[in-house]
C-alpha atoms as a PDB file:
ATOM      1  CA  MET A   1     112.628  88.174  99.549  1.00  0.00           C
ATOM      2  CA  ALA A   2     110.602  85.163 100.561  1.00  0.00           C
ATOM      3  CA  GLU A   3     109.725  83.191  97.476  1.00  0.00           C
ATOM      4  CA  ARG A   4     106.910  81.328  99.163  1.00  0.00           C
ATOM      5  CA  PRO A   5     103.990  82.528 101.551  1.00  0.00           C
ATOM      6  CA  GLU A   6     105.319  79.908 104.199  1.00  0.00           C
ATOM      7  CA  ASP A   7     108.547  81.618 104.284  1.00  0.00           C
ATOM      8  CA  LEU A   8     106.666  84.724 105.577  1.00  0.00           C
ATOM      9  CA  ASN A   9     105.515  83.156 108.704  1.00  0.00           C
ATOM     10  CA  LEU A  10     106.350  85.222 111.658  1.00  0.00           C
ATOM     11  CA  PRO A  11     107.540  83.572 115.011  1.00  0.00           C
ATOM     12  CA  ASN A  12     104.396  83.513 117.238  1.00  0.00           C
ATOM     13  CA  ALA A  13     106.595  84.816 120.258  1.00  0.00           C
ATOM     14  CA  VAL A  14     107.318  87.940 118.167  1.00  0.00           C
ATOM     15  CA  ILE A  15     103.547  88.454 117.465  1.00  0.00           C
ATOM     16  CA  THR A  16     102.659  87.774 120.874  1.00  0.00           C
ATOM     17  CA  ARG A  17     105.235  90.459 122.182  1.00  0.00           C
ATOM     18  CA  ILE A  18     104.092  92.998 119.683  1.00  0.00           C
ATOM     19  CA  ILE A  19     100.265  92.537 120.394  1.00  0.00           C
ATOM     20  CA  LYS A  20     101.132  92.759 124.356  1.00  0.00           C
ATOM     21  CA  GLU A  21     102.945  96.057 123.770  1.00  0.00           C
ATOM     22  CA  ALA A  22      99.983  97.240 121.778  1.00  0.00           C
ATOM     23  CA  LEU A  23      97.152  96.524 124.330  1.00  0.00           C
ATOM     24  CA  PRO A  24      96.538  97.434 127.756  1.00  0.00           C
ATOM     25  CA  ASP A  25      97.608  95.372 130.739  1.00  0.00           C
ATOM     26  CA  GLY A  26      95.315  92.517 131.573  1.00  0.00           C
ATOM     27  CA  VAL A  27      93.968  92.052 127.889  1.00  0.00           C
ATOM     28  CA  ASN A  28      94.217  88.431 126.661  1.00  0.00           C
ATOM     29  CA  ILE A  29      94.013  87.762 122.863  1.00  0.00           C
ATOM     30  CA  SER A  30      93.008  84.482 121.528  1.00  0.00           C
ATOM     31  CA  LYS A  31      95.190  81.992 119.687  1.00  0.00           C
ATOM     32  CA  GLU A  32      93.060  82.677 116.617  1.00  0.00           C
ATOM     33  CA  ALA A  33      93.400  86.363 116.942  1.00  0.00           C
ATOM     34  CA  ARG A  34      97.326  85.913 117.077  1.00  0.00           C
ATOM     35  CA  SER A  35      97.118  83.705 113.925  1.00  0.00           C
ATOM     36  CA  ALA A  36      95.176  86.176 112.057  1.00  0.00           C
ATOM     37  CA  ILE A  37      97.414  88.932 112.867  1.00  0.00           C
ATOM     38  CA  SER A  38     100.403  86.939 112.019  1.00  0.00           C
ATOM     39  CA  ARG A  39      98.765  86.021 108.573  1.00  0.00           C
ATOM     40  CA  ALA A  40      98.027  89.810 108.046  1.00  0.00           C
ATOM     41  CA  ALA A  41     101.543  90.833 108.800  1.00  0.00           C
ATOM     42  CA  SER A  42     102.683  87.988 106.245  1.00  0.00           C
ATOM     43  CA  VAL A  43     100.297  89.714 103.423  1.00  0.00           C
ATOM     44  CA  PHE A  44     101.824  93.002 104.265  1.00  0.00           C
ATOM     45  CA  VAL A  45     105.375  91.553 104.008  1.00  0.00           C
ATOM     46  CA  LEU A  46     104.436  89.850 100.657  1.00  0.00           C
ATOM     47  CA  ALA A  47     102.829  93.192  99.270  1.00  0.00           C
ATOM     48  CA  ASN A  48     106.048  94.898 100.091  1.00  0.00           C
ATOM     49  CA  ASN A  49     107.856  92.251  98.189  1.00  0.00           C
ATOM     50  CA  PHE A  50     105.314  92.843  94.998  1.00  0.00           C
ATOM     51  CA  ALA A  51     106.140  96.689  95.342  1.00  0.00           C
ATOM     52  CA  MET A  52     109.835  96.222  95.489  1.00  0.00           C
ATOM     53  CA  LYS A  53     109.832  93.812  92.541  1.00  0.00           C
ATOM     54  CA  GLY A  54     107.947  96.603  90.936  1.00  0.00           C
ATOM     55  CA  LYS A  55     110.690  98.952  91.979  1.00  0.00           C
ATOM     56  CA  ARG A  56     108.636 100.962  94.138  1.00  0.00           C
ATOM     57  CA  LYS A  57     108.564 102.037  97.653  1.00  0.00           C
ATOM     58  CA  THR A  58     104.775 102.720  98.053  1.00  0.00           C
ATOM     59  CA  LEU A  59     102.299  99.752  98.531  1.00  0.00           C
ATOM     60  CA  ASN A  60      99.306  99.977  96.187  1.00  0.00           C
ATOM     61  CA  ALA A  61      96.067  98.179  96.449  1.00  0.00           C
ATOM     62  CA  SER A  62      97.061  95.777  93.603  1.00  0.00           C
ATOM     63  CA  ASP A  63     100.124  94.642  95.741  1.00  0.00           C
ATOM     64  CA  VAL A  64      97.810  93.782  98.616  1.00  0.00           C
ATOM     65  CA  LEU A  65      95.278  92.045  96.506  1.00  0.00           C
ATOM     66  CA  SER A  66      98.313  89.826  94.680  1.00  0.00           C
ATOM     67  CA  ALA A  67      99.831  89.167  98.052  1.00  0.00           C
ATOM     68  CA  MET A  68      96.179  87.972  99.453  1.00  0.00           C
ATOM     69  CA  GLU A  69      95.825  85.904  96.793  1.00  0.00           C
ATOM     70  CA  GLU A  70      99.146  84.155  96.834  1.00  0.00           C
ATOM     71  CA  MET A  71      98.316  83.696 100.755  1.00  0.00           C
ATOM     72  CA  GLU A  72      95.097  81.795  99.582  1.00  0.00           C
ATOM     73  CA  PHE A  73      92.874  84.487 100.656  1.00  0.00           C
ATOM     74  CA  GLN A  74      90.842  84.441  97.317  1.00  0.00           C
ATOM     75  CA  ARG A  75      87.400  84.582  99.095  1.00  0.00           C
ATOM     76  CA  PHE A  76      88.407  87.932 100.478  1.00  0.00           C
ATOM     77  CA  ILE A  77      89.529  89.437  97.122  1.00  0.00           C
ATOM     78  CA  THR A  78      86.169  90.167  95.631  1.00  0.00           C
ATOM     79  CA  PRO A  79      84.738  91.779  98.569  1.00  0.00           C
ATOM     80  CA  LEU A  80      87.710  93.914  99.103  1.00  0.00           C
ATOM     81  CA  LYS A  81      87.596  94.860  95.253  1.00  0.00           C
ATOM     82  CA  GLU A  82      83.984  95.788  95.633  1.00  0.00           C
ATOM     83  CA  ALA A  83      84.854  97.794  99.064  1.00  0.00           C
ATOM     84  CA  LEU A  84      88.018  99.534  97.219  1.00  0.00           C
ATOM     85  CA  GLU A  85      85.830 100.612  94.253  1.00  0.00           C
ATOM     86  CA  ALA A  86      83.209 102.054  96.626  1.00  0.00           C
ATOM     87  CA  TYR A  87      85.690 103.748  98.522  1.00  0.00           C
ATOM     88  CA  ARG A  88      86.970 105.442  95.390  1.00  0.00           C
ATOM     89  CA  ARG A  89      83.783 106.321  94.200  1.00  0.00           C
ATOM     90  CA  GLU A  90      83.104 107.958  97.422  1.00  0.00           C
ATOM     91  CA  GLN A  91      86.482 109.954  97.356  1.00  0.00           C
ATOM     92  CA  LYS A  92      85.827 111.082  93.854  1.00  0.00           C
ATOM     93  CA  GLY A  93      82.381 112.307  94.892  1.00  0.00           C
ATOM     94  CA  LYS A  94      83.744 114.159  97.777  1.00  0.00           C
ATOM     95  CA  LYS A  95      86.354 115.670  95.575  1.00  0.00           C
ATOM     96  CA  GLU A  96      84.059 116.764  92.988  1.00  0.00           C
ATOM     97  CA  ALA A  97      81.625 118.469  95.587  1.00  0.00           C
ATOM     98  CA  SER A  98      84.642 120.132  97.047  1.00  0.00           C
ATOM     99  CA  GLU A  99      85.720 121.347  93.796  1.00  0.00           C
ATOM    100  CA  GLN A 100      82.013 122.404  92.906  1.00  0.00           C
ATOM    101  CA  LYS A 101      82.072 124.233  96.364  1.00  0.00           C
ATOM    102  CA  LYS A 102      85.250 126.081  95.407  1.00  0.00           C
ATOM    103  CA  LYS A 103      83.879 127.249  92.177  1.00  0.00           C
ATOM    104  CA  ASP A 104      80.774 128.261  93.813  1.00  0.00           C
ATOM    105  CA  LYS A 105      82.769 130.479  96.398  1.00  0.00           C
ATOM    106  CA  ASP A 106      84.897 131.758  93.504  1.00  0.00           C
ATOM    107  CA  ARG A 107      81.874 132.564  91.683  1.00  0.00           C
ATOM    108  CA  LYS A 108      80.449 134.304  94.738  1.00  0.00           C
ATOM    109  CA  THR A 109      83.638 136.182  95.371  1.00  0.00           C
ATOM    110  CA  ASP A 110      83.647 137.534  91.686  1.00  0.00           C
ATOM    111  CA  SER A 111      80.134 138.523  91.697  1.00  0.00           C
ATOM    112  CA  GLU A 112      80.541 140.396  95.148  1.00  0.00           C
ATOM    113  CA  GLU A 113      83.654 142.153  93.349  1.00  0.00           C
ATOM    114  CA  GLN A 114      81.661 142.980  90.489  1.00  0.00           C
ATOM    115  CA  ASP A 115      78.992 144.465  92.583  1.00  0.00           C
ATOM    116  CA  LYS A 116      81.586 146.231  94.854  1.00  0.00           C
ATOM    117  CA  THR A 117      83.066 147.541  91.414  1.00  0.00           C
ATOM    118  CA  ARG A 118      79.697 148.799  90.129  1.00  0.00           C
ATOM    119  CA  ASP A 119      79.027 150.673  93.581  1.00  0.00           C
ATOM    120  CA  GLU A 120      82.207 152.443  93.218  1.00  0.00           C
ATOM    121  CA  ASP A 121      81.497 153.243  89.823  1.00  0.00           C
ATOM    122  CA  ASN A 122      78.145 154.417  90.450  1.00  0.00           C
ATOM    123  CA  ASP A 123      79.325 156.361  93.589  1.00  0.00           C
ATOM    124  CA  GLU A 124      82.064 157.986  91.210  1.00  0.00           C
ATOM    125  CA  ASP A 125      79.119 158.960  88.807  1.00  0.00           C
ATOM    126  CA  GLU A 126      77.192 160.300  91.239  1.00  0.00           C
ATOM    127  CA  GLU A 127      80.085 162.577  92.577  1.00  0.00           C
ATOM    128  CA  ARG A 128      80.745 163.619  89.219  1.00  0.00           C
ATOM    129  CA  LEU A 129      77.188 164.426  88.536  1.00  0.00           C
ATOM    130  CA  GLU A 130      77.109 166.249  92.092  1.00  0.00           C
ATOM    131  CA  GLU A 131      80.108 168.325  90.704  1.00  0.00           C
ATOM    132  CA  GLU A 132      78.668 169.244  87.464  1.00  0.00           C
ATOM    133  CA  GLU A 133      75.537 170.391  88.972  1.00  0.00           C
ATOM    134  CA  GLN A 134      77.264 172.668  91.292  1.00  0.00           C
ATOM    135  CA  ASN A 135      79.647 173.859  88.513  1.00  0.00           C
ATOM    136  CA  GLU A 136      76.630 174.831  86.204  1.00  0.00           C
ATOM    137  CA  GLU A 137      74.907 176.153  89.415  1.00  0.00           C
ATOM    138  CA  GLU A 138      77.917 178.442  89.991  1.00  0.00           C
ATOM    139  CA  GLU A 139      78.041 179.388  86.302  1.00  0.00           C
ATOM    140  CA  VAL A 140      74.322 180.386  86.358  1.00  0.00           C
ATOM    141  CA  ASP A 141      75.008 182.307  89.422  1.00  0.00           C
ATOM    142  CA  ASN A 142      78.072 184.050  87.315  1.00  0.00           C
END
């Protein structure tokens, strides 16, 4: 594992080849963009190292933020934390809305089932009453 951020610098030729493979023919990319992509890849590698030190295979936000701090990207950490928090609130809101929708649907289904059962019970009661009336008429006739 790399111990220093400088150890993570990827060769420019490798970065350039990866970029060219990803982009359509005829598209050029600036030196600054290649450098930014290289630094981003280094952050990812360093974040992976943090996860491995924590004996985890999955990167989490704190791994990436720690790697960014290590790579001296402190000015981006606060905006990223704010964006992450906003994203989490949004996801929580969506989840709660989904759960509420499911509960409403379940209530509606339960209500419909109760109505159906009630209708069936009413139909049975009506049939029973009709039979009783017929039986009474037959008894009166007899």
